[in-house]
């Protein structure tokens, strides 16, 4: 190996000109640092979308819906730029909240929190919400849970699909994540359902004599069957946490069952965590290769960036690159304890 091996590809300084968002992100791939990684993430996502047979899974953590990212996730669902969503319960709760015309408000992180508490205002960094409106959504979820069939175990995917249908029937907004997922055959898993206001609502139902059994093992089985039946899989993580590991571990479960899945084929992540703390949210995809969760040959791009900066840029770049076309993703048939992709 000689010096020329390292000098094949000069960086290209960004100039300022009239161009589209996707042209900007493409130009960023010739720069450095996280700007280059952001551009590379768009290119990797576009390559995924042009695969003939692939299932694209998104892990969604962080307070993305209160931060105004809800419409972006809905766009990804409606255009089948993702085929399966794994989310924290909080994001889905806040989606329900906004679906029924309740709001989050522009606030400030410099507010006096004791004053906010006296006025019934909750703070999510620099976003405000009205606590009593949250309580109304809690009760709505509890009442919905109480309407479900007793004595049956629901996966969170089943529960959220039924809830999406109910929100639609109630006149929920068309930009709802769970309504869009219900309409476009995109399963939504919430593996830590009780760690959210959805869990609060279901405890409310339970205390009133309506116990709803959400089977998280059924969740893990269903999503693993999706991976087992997919020719290829790609993953996109917004943050990390439970959604990331829930998707990652499907490869381990499939291998344990005798499958030869070999790890996810594409892997993209937008995160503010760093690898050296040893946590899952910041760990590299190279580390995931050692577990068999990501293929060694996979296209791997991690962008260390605030997702509220990355997602609007990436989504607009994808819209331009795909020309507004709705991709034909995999379709799922859900049996009792089984999943079939067609």
C-alpha atoms as a PDB file:
ATOM      1  CA  UNK A   1       0.000   0.000   0.000  1.00  0.00           C
ATOM      2  CA  UNK A   2       1.499   3.351  -1.011  1.00  0.00           C
ATOM      3  CA  UNK A   3       0.684   6.998  -0.382  1.00  0.00           C
ATOM      4  CA  UNK A   4      -1.583   7.231  -3.420  1.00  0.00           C
ATOM      5  CA  UNK A   5      -3.952   4.744  -1.790  1.00  0.00           C
ATOM      6  CA  UNK A   6      -4.953   7.455   0.694  1.00  0.00           C
ATOM      7  CA  UNK A   7      -5.249  10.316  -1.765  1.00  0.00           C
ATOM      8  CA  UNK A   8      -7.697   9.010  -4.363  1.00  0.00           C
ATOM      9  CA  UNK A   9     -10.683  11.107  -3.364  1.00  0.00           C
ATOM     10  CA  UNK A  10     -10.204  14.811  -2.564  1.00  0.00           C
ATOM     11  CA  UNK A  11     -12.850  16.633  -0.538  1.00  0.00           C
ATOM     12  CA  UNK A  12     -14.983  19.097  -2.495  1.00  0.00           C
ATOM     13  CA  UNK A  13     -15.589  22.398  -0.677  1.00  0.00           C
ATOM     14  CA  UNK A  14     -19.238  23.384  -0.489  1.00  0.00           C
ATOM     15  CA  UNK A  15     -20.129  26.448  -2.502  1.00  0.00           C
ATOM     16  CA  UNK A  16     -23.297  28.484  -2.092  1.00  0.00           C
ATOM     17  CA  UNK A  17     -25.651  28.255  -5.050  1.00  0.00           C
ATOM     18  CA  UNK A  18     -29.274  27.717  -5.945  1.00  0.00           C
ATOM     19  CA  UNK A  19     -29.964  23.986  -5.432  1.00  0.00           C
ATOM     20  CA  UNK A  20     -32.427  21.560  -3.901  1.00  0.00           C
ATOM     21  CA  UNK A  21     -32.155  19.904  -0.497  1.00  0.00           C
ATOM     22  CA  UNK A  22     -31.174  16.577  -2.066  1.00  0.00           C
ATOM     23  CA  UNK A  23     -28.473  18.314  -4.106  1.00  0.00           C
ATOM     24  CA  UNK A  24     -27.143  19.827  -0.887  1.00  0.00           C
ATOM     25  CA  UNK A  25     -27.056  16.475   0.953  1.00  0.00           C
ATOM     26  CA  UNK A  26     -25.397  14.833  -2.056  1.00  0.00           C
ATOM     27  CA  UNK A  27     -22.725  17.549  -2.079  1.00  0.00           C
ATOM     28  CA  UNK A  28     -22.218  17.010   1.661  1.00  0.00           C
ATOM     29  CA  UNK A  29     -20.982  13.465   0.936  1.00  0.00           C
ATOM     30  CA  UNK A  30     -17.810  15.094  -0.478  1.00  0.00           C
ATOM     31  CA  UNK A  31     -17.112  17.070   2.715  1.00  0.00           C
ATOM     32  CA  UNK A  32     -16.149  15.883   6.206  1.00  0.00           C
ATOM     33  CA  UNK A  33     -17.309  15.102   9.731  1.00  0.00           C
ATOM     34  CA  UNK A  34     -21.026  14.748  10.514  1.00  0.00           C
ATOM     35  CA  UNK A  35     -22.030  16.762   7.456  1.00  0.00           C
ATOM     36  CA  UNK A  36     -20.592  13.994   5.290  1.00  0.00           C
ATOM     37  CA  UNK A  37     -22.326  11.360   7.409  1.00  0.00           C
ATOM     38  CA  UNK A  38     -25.678  13.116   7.039  1.00  0.00           C
ATOM     39  CA  UNK A  39     -25.248  13.102   3.264  1.00  0.00           C
ATOM     40  CA  UNK A  40     -24.153   9.452   3.305  1.00  0.00           C
ATOM     41  CA  UNK A  41     -27.247   8.510   5.335  1.00  0.00           C
ATOM     42  CA  UNK A  42     -29.491   9.854   2.559  1.00  0.00           C
ATOM     43  CA  UNK A  43     -27.547   7.902  -0.056  1.00  0.00           C
ATOM     44  CA  UNK A  44     -27.782   4.683   1.987  1.00  0.00           C
ATOM     45  CA  UNK A  45     -31.534   5.154   2.516  1.00  0.00           C
ATOM     46  CA  UNK A  46     -32.074   5.724  -1.212  1.00  0.00           C
ATOM     47  CA  UNK A  47     -30.152   2.534  -1.995  1.00  0.00           C
ATOM     48  CA  UNK A  48     -32.412   0.652   0.424  1.00  0.00           C
ATOM     49  CA  UNK A  49     -35.497   2.010  -1.292  1.00  0.00           C
ATOM     50  CA  UNK A  50     -34.296   0.715  -4.644  1.00  0.00           C
ATOM     51  CA  UNK A  51     -33.780  -2.834  -3.393  1.00  0.00           C
ATOM     52  CA  UNK A  52     -36.274  -5.253  -4.958  1.00  0.00           C
ATOM     53  CA  UNK A  53     -37.002  -7.184  -1.753  1.00  0.00           C
ATOM     54  CA  UNK A  54     -36.269  -5.492   1.539  1.00  0.00           C
ATOM     55  CA  UNK A  55     -38.106  -4.658   4.745  1.00  0.00           C
ATOM     56  CA  UNK A  56     -37.135  -1.305   6.261  1.00  0.00           C
ATOM     57  CA  UNK A  57     -37.622  -0.915  10.012  1.00  0.00           C
ATOM     58  CA  UNK A  58     -37.445   2.317  11.976  1.00  0.00           C
ATOM     59  CA  UNK A  59     -36.731   2.625  15.695  1.00  0.00           C
ATOM     60  CA  UNK A  60     -38.122   5.875  17.130  1.00  0.00           C
ATOM     61  CA  UNK A  61     -37.046   7.104  20.548  1.00  0.00           C
ATOM     62  CA  UNK A  62     -36.780  10.522  22.168  1.00  0.00           C
ATOM     63  CA  UNK A  63     -39.563  13.094  22.374  1.00  0.00           C
ATOM     64  CA  UNK A  64     -39.836  13.428  18.615  1.00  0.00           C
ATOM     65  CA  UNK A  65     -43.578  14.083  18.417  1.00  0.00           C
ATOM     66  CA  UNK A  66     -43.616  16.934  20.972  1.00  0.00           C
ATOM     67  CA  UNK A  67     -40.601  18.353  19.115  1.00  0.00           C
ATOM     68  CA  UNK A  68     -42.598  18.610  15.887  1.00  0.00           C
ATOM     69  CA  UNK A  69     -41.332  15.543  13.981  1.00  0.00           C
ATOM     70  CA  UNK A  70     -44.714  13.806  13.776  1.00  0.00           C
ATOM     71  CA  UNK A  71     -45.497  14.853  10.208  1.00  0.00           C
ATOM     72  CA  UNK A  72     -42.147  13.514   9.036  1.00  0.00           C
ATOM     73  CA  UNK A  73     -42.794  10.052  10.486  1.00  0.00           C
ATOM     74  CA  UNK A  74     -46.252  10.107   8.915  1.00  0.00           C
ATOM     75  CA  UNK A  75     -44.716  11.009   5.550  1.00  0.00           C
ATOM     76  CA  UNK A  76     -42.289   8.089   5.799  1.00  0.00           C
ATOM     77  CA  UNK A  77     -45.205   5.742   6.536  1.00  0.00           C
ATOM     78  CA  UNK A  78     -47.548   7.046   3.843  1.00  0.00           C
ATOM     79  CA  UNK A  79     -44.859   6.829   1.155  1.00  0.00           C
ATOM     80  CA  UNK A  80     -43.631   3.460   2.456  1.00  0.00           C
ATOM     81  CA  UNK A  81     -40.133   4.772   3.048  1.00  0.00           C
ATOM     82  CA  UNK A  82     -40.365   2.557   6.139  1.00  0.00           C
ATOM     83  CA  UNK A  83     -42.267  -0.733   6.438  1.00  0.00           C
ATOM     84  CA  UNK A  84     -42.335  -1.229  10.201  1.00  0.00           C
ATOM     85  CA  UNK A  85     -42.115   1.203  13.118  1.00  0.00           C
ATOM     86  CA  UNK A  86     -40.867   0.412  16.622  1.00  0.00           C
ATOM     87  CA  UNK A  87     -41.498   3.315  18.955  1.00  0.00           C
ATOM     88  CA  UNK A  88     -41.446   4.372  22.541  1.00  0.00           C
ATOM     89  CA  UNK A  89     -44.919   4.553  24.031  1.00  0.00           C
ATOM     90  CA  UNK A  90     -44.439   8.261  24.671  1.00  0.00           C
ATOM     91  CA  UNK A  91     -44.202   9.148  20.975  1.00  0.00           C
ATOM     92  CA  UNK A  92     -47.368   7.209  20.210  1.00  0.00           C
ATOM     93  CA  UNK A  93     -49.185   8.802  23.144  1.00  0.00           C
ATOM     94  CA  UNK A  94     -48.223  12.279  21.981  1.00  0.00           C
ATOM     95  CA  UNK A  95     -49.334  11.343  18.463  1.00  0.00           C
ATOM     96  CA  UNK A  96     -52.775  10.387  19.808  1.00  0.00           C
ATOM     97  CA  UNK A  97     -52.843  13.648  21.753  1.00  0.00           C
ATOM     98  CA  UNK A  98     -52.223  15.723  18.613  1.00  0.00           C
ATOM     99  CA  UNK A  99     -54.459  13.513  16.451  1.00  0.00           C
ATOM    100  CA  UNK A 100     -57.421  14.689  18.507  1.00  0.00           C
ATOM    101  CA  UNK A 101     -56.529  18.371  17.988  1.00  0.00           C
ATOM    102  CA  UNK A 102     -54.738  18.829  21.274  1.00  0.00           C
ATOM    103  CA  UNK A 103     -51.470  20.739  21.113  1.00  0.00           C
ATOM    104  CA  UNK A 104     -47.891  21.050  22.215  1.00  0.00           C
ATOM    105  CA  UNK A 105     -46.709  24.628  22.618  1.00  0.00           C
ATOM    106  CA  UNK A 106     -43.538  26.586  21.947  1.00  0.00           C
ATOM    107  CA  UNK A 107     -42.082  27.231  25.397  1.00  0.00           C
ATOM    108  CA  UNK A 108     -38.679  27.854  26.941  1.00  0.00           C
ATOM    109  CA  UNK A 109     -36.210  25.793  28.947  1.00  0.00           C
ATOM    110  CA  UNK A 110     -35.700  28.863  31.146  1.00  0.00           C
ATOM    111  CA  UNK A 111     -39.210  28.724  32.644  1.00  0.00           C
ATOM    112  CA  UNK A 112     -39.771  28.453  36.402  1.00  0.00           C
ATOM    113  CA  UNK A 113     -40.984  24.870  36.786  1.00  0.00           C
ATOM    114  CA  UNK A 114     -42.768  25.428  40.091  1.00  0.00           C
ATOM    115  CA  UNK A 115     -44.792  28.175  38.404  1.00  0.00           C
ATOM    116  CA  UNK A 116     -45.547  25.839  35.502  1.00  0.00           C
ATOM    117  CA  UNK A 117     -46.698  23.163  37.943  1.00  0.00           C
ATOM    118  CA  UNK A 118     -49.096  25.571  39.671  1.00  0.00           C
ATOM    119  CA  UNK A 119     -50.633  26.388  36.283  1.00  0.00           C
ATOM    120  CA  UNK A 120     -50.897  22.757  35.175  1.00  0.00           C
ATOM    121  CA  UNK A 121     -48.256  23.079  32.462  1.00  0.00           C
ATOM    122  CA  UNK A 122     -45.827  20.254  31.695  1.00  0.00           C
ATOM    123  CA  UNK A 123     -42.407  21.008  30.194  1.00  0.00           C
ATOM    124  CA  UNK A 124     -40.425  18.895  27.715  1.00  0.00           C
ATOM    125  CA  UNK A 125     -37.241  21.000  27.515  1.00  0.00           C
ATOM    126  CA  UNK A 126     -38.535  24.009  25.547  1.00  0.00           C
ATOM    127  CA  UNK A 127     -41.965  22.584  24.683  1.00  0.00           C
ATOM    128  CA  UNK A 128     -45.040  23.038  26.893  1.00  0.00           C
ATOM    129  CA  UNK A 129     -48.225  20.977  27.208  1.00  0.00           C
ATOM    130  CA  UNK A 130     -51.373  21.160  29.335  1.00  0.00           C
ATOM    131  CA  UNK A 131     -51.477  18.431  31.982  1.00  0.00           C
ATOM    132  CA  UNK A 132     -55.272  18.191  32.073  1.00  0.00           C
ATOM    133  CA  UNK A 133     -55.322  17.587  28.318  1.00  0.00           C
ATOM    134  CA  UNK A 134     -52.853  14.738  28.879  1.00  0.00           C
ATOM    135  CA  UNK A 135     -55.190  13.352  31.534  1.00  0.00           C
ATOM    136  CA  UNK A 136     -58.038  13.435  29.022  1.00  0.00           C
ATOM    137  CA  UNK A 137     -55.926  11.387  26.606  1.00  0.00           C
ATOM    138  CA  UNK A 138     -55.035   8.970  29.429  1.00  0.00           C
ATOM    139  CA  UNK A 139     -58.726   8.413  30.133  1.00  0.00           C
ATOM    140  CA  UNK A 140     -59.493   8.031  26.423  1.00  0.00           C
ATOM    141  CA  UNK A 141     -56.894   5.252  26.129  1.00  0.00           C
ATOM    142  CA  UNK A 142     -58.244   3.632  29.281  1.00  0.00           C
ATOM    143  CA  UNK A 143     -61.783   3.694  27.929  1.00  0.00           C
ATOM    144  CA  UNK A 144     -60.562   2.234  24.638  1.00  0.00           C
ATOM    145  CA  UNK A 145     -58.757  -0.555  26.490  1.00  0.00           C
ATOM    146  CA  UNK A 146     -61.914  -1.299  28.428  1.00  0.00           C
ATOM    147  CA  UNK A 147     -63.781  -1.801  25.136  1.00  0.00           C
ATOM    148  CA  UNK A 148     -61.477  -4.616  23.954  1.00  0.00           C
ATOM    149  CA  UNK A 149     -62.192  -8.307  24.191  1.00  0.00           C
ATOM    150  CA  UNK A 150     -61.426  -9.717  27.618  1.00  0.00           C
ATOM    151  CA  UNK A 151     -59.339 -12.823  28.188  1.00  0.00           C
ATOM    152  CA  UNK A 152     -57.226 -12.335  25.083  1.00  0.00           C
ATOM    153  CA  UNK A 153     -53.539 -11.514  24.751  1.00  0.00           C
ATOM    154  CA  UNK A 154     -52.780  -8.675  22.348  1.00  0.00           C
ATOM    155  CA  UNK A 155     -49.375  -7.881  20.950  1.00  0.00           C
ATOM    156  CA  UNK A 156     -48.632  -4.165  21.101  1.00  0.00           C
ATOM    157  CA  UNK A 157     -48.808  -4.252  17.287  1.00  0.00           C
ATOM    158  CA  UNK A 158     -52.425  -5.475  17.471  1.00  0.00           C
ATOM    159  CA  UNK A 159     -53.298  -3.002  20.203  1.00  0.00           C
ATOM    160  CA  UNK A 160     -51.871  -0.002  18.320  1.00  0.00           C
ATOM    161  CA  UNK A 161     -53.552  -1.036  15.060  1.00  0.00           C
ATOM    162  CA  UNK A 162     -56.943  -1.227  16.778  1.00  0.00           C
ATOM    163  CA  UNK A 163     -56.262   2.077  18.513  1.00  0.00           C
ATOM    164  CA  UNK A 164     -55.358   3.652  15.154  1.00  0.00           C
ATOM    165  CA  UNK A 165     -58.676   2.481  13.764  1.00  0.00           C
ATOM    166  CA  UNK A 166     -60.505   3.957  16.772  1.00  0.00           C
ATOM    167  CA  UNK A 167     -58.719   7.309  16.477  1.00  0.00           C
ATOM    168  CA  UNK A 168     -59.653   7.410  12.783  1.00  0.00           C
ATOM    169  CA  UNK A 169     -63.299   6.681  13.634  1.00  0.00           C
ATOM    170  CA  UNK A 170     -63.200   9.513  16.159  1.00  0.00           C
ATOM    171  CA  UNK A 171     -62.209  11.911  13.395  1.00  0.00           C
ATOM    172  CA  UNK A 172     -58.525  11.919  14.223  1.00  0.00           C
ATOM    173  CA  UNK A 173     -56.322  14.060  12.035  1.00  0.00           C
ATOM    174  CA  UNK A 174     -55.052  12.545   8.793  1.00  0.00           C
ATOM    175  CA  UNK A 175     -51.435  13.297   9.754  1.00  0.00           C
ATOM    176  CA  UNK A 176     -51.591  10.842  12.661  1.00  0.00           C
ATOM    177  CA  UNK A 177     -48.790   8.280  12.877  1.00  0.00           C
ATOM    178  CA  UNK A 178     -51.021   5.454  14.066  1.00  0.00           C
ATOM    179  CA  UNK A 179     -53.888   6.295  11.712  1.00  0.00           C
ATOM    180  CA  UNK A 180     -51.457   6.398   8.776  1.00  0.00           C
ATOM    181  CA  UNK A 181     -49.916   3.101   9.881  1.00  0.00           C
ATOM    182  CA  UNK A 182     -53.381   1.530  10.126  1.00  0.00           C
ATOM    183  CA  UNK A 183     -54.304   2.758   6.648  1.00  0.00           C
ATOM    184  CA  UNK A 184     -51.023   1.749   4.970  1.00  0.00           C
ATOM    185  CA  UNK A 185     -50.395  -1.672   6.512  1.00  0.00           C
ATOM    186  CA  UNK A 186     -47.345  -0.548   8.484  1.00  0.00           C
ATOM    187  CA  UNK A 187     -47.086  -2.403  11.805  1.00  0.00           C
ATOM    188  CA  UNK A 188     -46.236  -0.332  14.884  1.00  0.00           C
ATOM    189  CA  UNK A 189     -44.626  -2.099  17.834  1.00  0.00           C
ATOM    190  CA  UNK A 190     -44.278  -0.513  21.268  1.00  0.00           C
ATOM    191  CA  UNK A 191     -42.134  -2.955  23.266  1.00  0.00           C
ATOM    192  CA  UNK A 192     -42.128  -0.836  26.433  1.00  0.00           C
ATOM    193  CA  UNK A 193     -45.797   0.094  26.334  1.00  0.00           C
ATOM    194  CA  UNK A 194     -46.198   0.533  30.088  1.00  0.00           C
ATOM    195  CA  UNK A 195     -43.318   3.017  30.195  1.00  0.00           C
ATOM    196  CA  UNK A 196     -45.568   5.764  28.852  1.00  0.00           C
ATOM    197  CA  UNK A 197     -48.911   7.446  29.289  1.00  0.00           C
ATOM    198  CA  UNK A 198     -50.446   4.594  27.295  1.00  0.00           C
ATOM    199  CA  UNK A 199     -49.481   2.402  30.242  1.00  0.00           C
ATOM    200  CA  UNK A 200     -51.005   4.974  32.579  1.00  0.00           C
ATOM    201  CA  UNK A 201     -54.267   4.792  30.646  1.00  0.00           C
ATOM    202  CA  UNK A 202     -54.298   0.981  30.802  1.00  0.00           C
ATOM    203  CA  UNK A 203     -53.664   1.044  34.560  1.00  0.00           C
ATOM    204  CA  UNK A 204     -56.640   3.416  34.774  1.00  0.00           C
ATOM    205  CA  UNK A 205     -58.710   0.780  32.929  1.00  0.00           C
ATOM    206  CA  UNK A 206     -57.402  -2.024  35.140  1.00  0.00           C
ATOM    207  CA  UNK A 207     -58.319  -0.208  38.346  1.00  0.00           C
ATOM    208  CA  UNK A 208     -61.858   0.032  36.965  1.00  0.00           C
ATOM    209  CA  UNK A 209     -62.009  -3.716  36.396  1.00  0.00           C
ATOM    210  CA  UNK A 210     -60.923  -3.916  32.756  1.00  0.00           C
ATOM    211  CA  UNK A 211     -57.609  -5.741  32.545  1.00  0.00           C
ATOM    212  CA  UNK A 212     -55.899  -5.662  29.138  1.00  0.00           C
ATOM    213  CA  UNK A 213     -53.122  -8.169  28.501  1.00  0.00           C
ATOM    214  CA  UNK A 214     -50.431  -6.815  26.154  1.00  0.00           C
ATOM    215  CA  UNK A 215     -48.056  -9.674  25.405  1.00  0.00           C
ATOM    216  CA  UNK A 216     -44.546  -8.304  24.827  1.00  0.00           C
ATOM    217  CA  UNK A 217     -43.187 -11.792  24.068  1.00  0.00           C
ATOM    218  CA  UNK A 218     -45.712 -12.001  21.246  1.00  0.00           C
ATOM    219  CA  UNK A 219     -44.258  -8.691  20.029  1.00  0.00           C
ATOM    220  CA  UNK A 220     -40.751 -10.116  19.880  1.00  0.00           C
ATOM    221  CA  UNK A 221     -41.994 -13.211  18.056  1.00  0.00           C
ATOM    222  CA  UNK A 222     -44.004 -11.256  15.478  1.00  0.00           C
ATOM    223  CA  UNK A 223     -41.227  -8.846  14.550  1.00  0.00           C
ATOM    224  CA  UNK A 224     -38.684 -11.671  14.396  1.00  0.00           C
ATOM    225  CA  UNK A 225     -40.933 -13.536  11.963  1.00  0.00           C
ATOM    226  CA  UNK A 226     -40.875 -10.425   9.754  1.00  0.00           C
ATOM    227  CA  UNK A 227     -37.079 -10.531   9.736  1.00  0.00           C
ATOM    228  CA  UNK A 228     -36.994 -14.286   9.112  1.00  0.00           C
ATOM    229  CA  UNK A 229     -39.246 -13.938   6.064  1.00  0.00           C
ATOM    230  CA  UNK A 230     -37.496 -10.899   4.594  1.00  0.00           C
ATOM    231  CA  UNK A 231     -34.895 -11.388   1.870  1.00  0.00           C
ATOM    232  CA  UNK A 232     -33.079  -8.325   3.231  1.00  0.00           C
ATOM    233  CA  UNK A 233     -33.628  -5.932   6.116  1.00  0.00           C
ATOM    234  CA  UNK A 234     -32.635  -2.335   6.664  1.00  0.00           C
ATOM    235  CA  UNK A 235     -32.844  -0.400   9.916  1.00  0.00           C
ATOM    236  CA  UNK A 236     -33.094   3.320  10.627  1.00  0.00           C
ATOM    237  CA  UNK A 237     -32.738   4.413  14.246  1.00  0.00           C
ATOM    238  CA  UNK A 238     -33.762   7.790  15.616  1.00  0.00           C
ATOM    239  CA  UNK A 239     -31.901   7.760  18.912  1.00  0.00           C
ATOM    240  CA  UNK A 240     -31.461   4.358  20.484  1.00  0.00           C
ATOM    241  CA  UNK A 241     -32.890   2.847  23.649  1.00  0.00           C
ATOM    242  CA  UNK A 242     -35.497   0.092  23.674  1.00  0.00           C
ATOM    243  CA  UNK A 243     -36.639   0.526  20.023  1.00  0.00           C
ATOM    244  CA  UNK A 244     -33.082   0.037  18.762  1.00  0.00           C
ATOM    245  CA  UNK A 245     -32.355  -3.093  20.761  1.00  0.00           C
ATOM    246  CA  UNK A 246     -35.806  -4.547  20.095  1.00  0.00           C
ATOM    247  CA  UNK A 247     -35.078  -4.447  16.358  1.00  0.00           C
ATOM    248  CA  UNK A 248     -31.447  -5.523  16.751  1.00  0.00           C
ATOM    249  CA  UNK A 249     -32.268  -8.598  18.802  1.00  0.00           C
ATOM    250  CA  UNK A 250     -34.498 -10.048  16.082  1.00  0.00           C
ATOM    251  CA  UNK A 251     -31.329 -11.273  14.371  1.00  0.00           C
ATOM    252  CA  UNK A 252     -30.235 -13.075  17.539  1.00  0.00           C
ATOM    253  CA  UNK A 253     -33.653 -14.683  18.064  1.00  0.00           C
ATOM    254  CA  UNK A 254     -33.794 -15.802  14.431  1.00  0.00           C
ATOM    255  CA  UNK A 255     -30.320 -17.307  14.741  1.00  0.00           C
ATOM    256  CA  UNK A 256     -31.284 -19.062  17.981  1.00  0.00           C
ATOM    257  CA  UNK A 257     -34.210 -20.651  16.125  1.00  0.00           C
ATOM    258  CA  UNK A 258     -31.819 -22.058  13.519  1.00  0.00           C
ATOM    259  CA  UNK A 259     -32.124 -19.345  10.896  1.00  0.00           C
ATOM    260  CA  UNK A 260     -29.188 -18.093   8.853  1.00  0.00           C
ATOM    261  CA  UNK A 261     -30.133 -14.421   8.701  1.00  0.00           C
ATOM    262  CA  UNK A 262     -26.638 -12.943   9.005  1.00  0.00           C
ATOM    263  CA  UNK A 263     -27.524  -9.511  10.383  1.00  0.00           C
ATOM    264  CA  UNK A 264     -29.303  -6.455   8.976  1.00  0.00           C
ATOM    265  CA  UNK A 265     -28.120  -5.435   5.505  1.00  0.00           C
ATOM    266  CA  UNK A 266     -28.419  -1.657   5.942  1.00  0.00           C
ATOM    267  CA  UNK A 267     -28.099   0.337   9.147  1.00  0.00           C
ATOM    268  CA  UNK A 268     -28.574   4.087   9.668  1.00  0.00           C
ATOM    269  CA  UNK A 269     -28.719   5.949  12.970  1.00  0.00           C
ATOM    270  CA  UNK A 270     -29.189   9.553  14.059  1.00  0.00           C
ATOM    271  CA  UNK A 271     -28.084   9.958  17.666  1.00  0.00           C
ATOM    272  CA  UNK A 272     -26.527  12.404  20.111  1.00  0.00           C
ATOM    273  CA  UNK A 273     -25.006   9.618  22.232  1.00  0.00           C
ATOM    274  CA  UNK A 274     -21.367   8.574  21.952  1.00  0.00           C
ATOM    275  CA  UNK A 275     -19.814   5.087  21.916  1.00  0.00           C
ATOM    276  CA  UNK A 276     -17.347   5.616  24.752  1.00  0.00           C
ATOM    277  CA  UNK A 277     -20.044   5.616  27.452  1.00  0.00           C
ATOM    278  CA  UNK A 278     -20.774   1.958  26.638  1.00  0.00           C
ATOM    279  CA  UNK A 279     -24.520   2.459  26.146  1.00  0.00           C
ATOM    280  CA  UNK A 280     -26.630   0.981  23.371  1.00  0.00           C
ATOM    281  CA  UNK A 281     -27.821   4.350  22.042  1.00  0.00           C
ATOM    282  CA  UNK A 282     -24.292   5.371  21.102  1.00  0.00           C
ATOM    283  CA  UNK A 283     -22.695   2.012  20.327  1.00  0.00           C
ATOM    284  CA  UNK A 284     -21.358   1.636  16.816  1.00  0.00           C
ATOM    285  CA  UNK A 285     -22.739  -0.655  14.159  1.00  0.00           C
ATOM    286  CA  UNK A 286     -19.297  -2.259  14.046  1.00  0.00           C
ATOM    287  CA  UNK A 287     -19.924  -3.381  17.637  1.00  0.00           C
ATOM    288  CA  UNK A 288     -23.299  -4.749  16.514  1.00  0.00           C
ATOM    289  CA  UNK A 289     -21.468  -6.846  13.902  1.00  0.00           C
ATOM    290  CA  UNK A 290     -19.759  -8.724  16.745  1.00  0.00           C
ATOM    291  CA  UNK A 291     -23.208  -9.794  17.988  1.00  0.00           C
ATOM    292  CA  UNK A 292     -24.457 -10.821  14.558  1.00  0.00           C
ATOM    293  CA  UNK A 293     -27.067  -8.070  14.671  1.00  0.00           C
ATOM    294  CA  UNK A 294     -25.684  -6.178  11.665  1.00  0.00           C
ATOM    295  CA  UNK A 295     -23.974  -7.866   8.731  1.00  0.00           C
ATOM    296  CA  UNK A 296     -20.263  -7.203   8.379  1.00  0.00           C
ATOM    297  CA  UNK A 297     -20.861  -6.278   4.730  1.00  0.00           C
ATOM    298  CA  UNK A 298     -23.804  -3.993   5.570  1.00  0.00           C
ATOM    299  CA  UNK A 299     -23.994  -0.382   4.480  1.00  0.00           C
ATOM    300  CA  UNK A 300     -23.558   1.301   7.881  1.00  0.00           C
ATOM    301  CA  UNK A 301     -23.953   5.034   8.544  1.00  0.00           C
ATOM    302  CA  UNK A 302     -24.163   6.653  11.977  1.00  0.00           C
ATOM    303  CA  UNK A 303     -24.729  10.390  12.220  1.00  0.00           C
ATOM    304  CA  UNK A 304     -24.013  12.027  15.558  1.00  0.00           C
ATOM    305  CA  UNK A 305     -26.577  14.786  15.366  1.00  0.00           C
ATOM    306  CA  UNK A 306     -29.777  16.046  16.979  1.00  0.00           C
ATOM    307  CA  UNK A 307     -32.542  14.162  15.158  1.00  0.00           C
ATOM    308  CA  UNK A 308     -34.713  17.288  15.060  1.00  0.00           C
ATOM    309  CA  UNK A 309     -32.053  18.770  12.760  1.00  0.00           C
ATOM    310  CA  UNK A 310     -31.438  15.631  10.706  1.00  0.00           C
ATOM    311  CA  UNK A 311     -34.984  14.379  10.089  1.00  0.00           C
ATOM    312  CA  UNK A 312     -36.392  17.445   8.263  1.00  0.00           C
ATOM    313  CA  UNK A 313     -33.342  17.581   5.978  1.00  0.00           C
ATOM    314  CA  UNK A 314     -33.275  13.843   5.279  1.00  0.00           C
ATOM    315  CA  UNK A 315     -37.037  13.558   4.698  1.00  0.00           C
ATOM    316  CA  UNK A 316     -37.064  16.409   2.198  1.00  0.00           C
ATOM    317  CA  UNK A 317     -34.034  14.952   0.401  1.00  0.00           C
ATOM    318  CA  UNK A 318     -35.763  11.554   0.185  1.00  0.00           C
ATOM    319  CA  UNK A 319     -38.941  13.148  -1.145  1.00  0.00           C
ATOM    320  CA  UNK A 320     -36.971  14.798  -3.929  1.00  0.00           C
ATOM    321  CA  UNK A 321     -34.935  11.698  -4.742  1.00  0.00           C
ATOM    322  CA  UNK A 322     -38.033   9.456  -4.883  1.00  0.00           C
ATOM    323  CA  UNK A 323     -40.044  11.985  -6.882  1.00  0.00           C
ATOM    324  CA  UNK A 324     -43.032  11.752  -4.532  1.00  0.00           C
ATOM    325  CA  UNK A 325     -43.684   8.160  -5.642  1.00  0.00           C
ATOM    326  CA  UNK A 326     -45.254   5.837  -3.075  1.00  0.00           C
ATOM    327  CA  UNK A 327     -42.991   2.802  -2.824  1.00  0.00           C
ATOM    328  CA  UNK A 328     -44.509  -0.676  -2.960  1.00  0.00           C
ATOM    329  CA  UNK A 329     -43.269  -2.189   0.283  1.00  0.00           C
ATOM    330  CA  UNK A 330     -43.938  -5.647   1.699  1.00  0.00           C
ATOM    331  CA  UNK A 331     -47.497  -6.529   2.724  1.00  0.00           C
ATOM    332  CA  UNK A 332     -48.207  -8.448   5.905  1.00  0.00           C
ATOM    333  CA  UNK A 333     -50.834 -11.078   6.675  1.00  0.00           C
ATOM    334  CA  UNK A 334     -51.366 -11.452  10.425  1.00  0.00           C
ATOM    335  CA  UNK A 335     -52.574 -14.803  11.721  1.00  0.00           C
ATOM    336  CA  UNK A 336     -52.880 -15.911  15.339  1.00  0.00           C
ATOM    337  CA  UNK A 337     -49.241 -15.968  16.369  1.00  0.00           C
ATOM    338  CA  UNK A 338     -47.987 -16.002  12.759  1.00  0.00           C
ATOM    339  CA  UNK A 339     -46.926 -13.445  10.173  1.00  0.00           C
ATOM    340  CA  UNK A 340     -46.718 -13.955   6.432  1.00  0.00           C
ATOM    341  CA  UNK A 341     -45.109 -11.505   4.007  1.00  0.00           C
ATOM    342  CA  UNK A 342     -46.523 -11.267   0.508  1.00  0.00           C
END
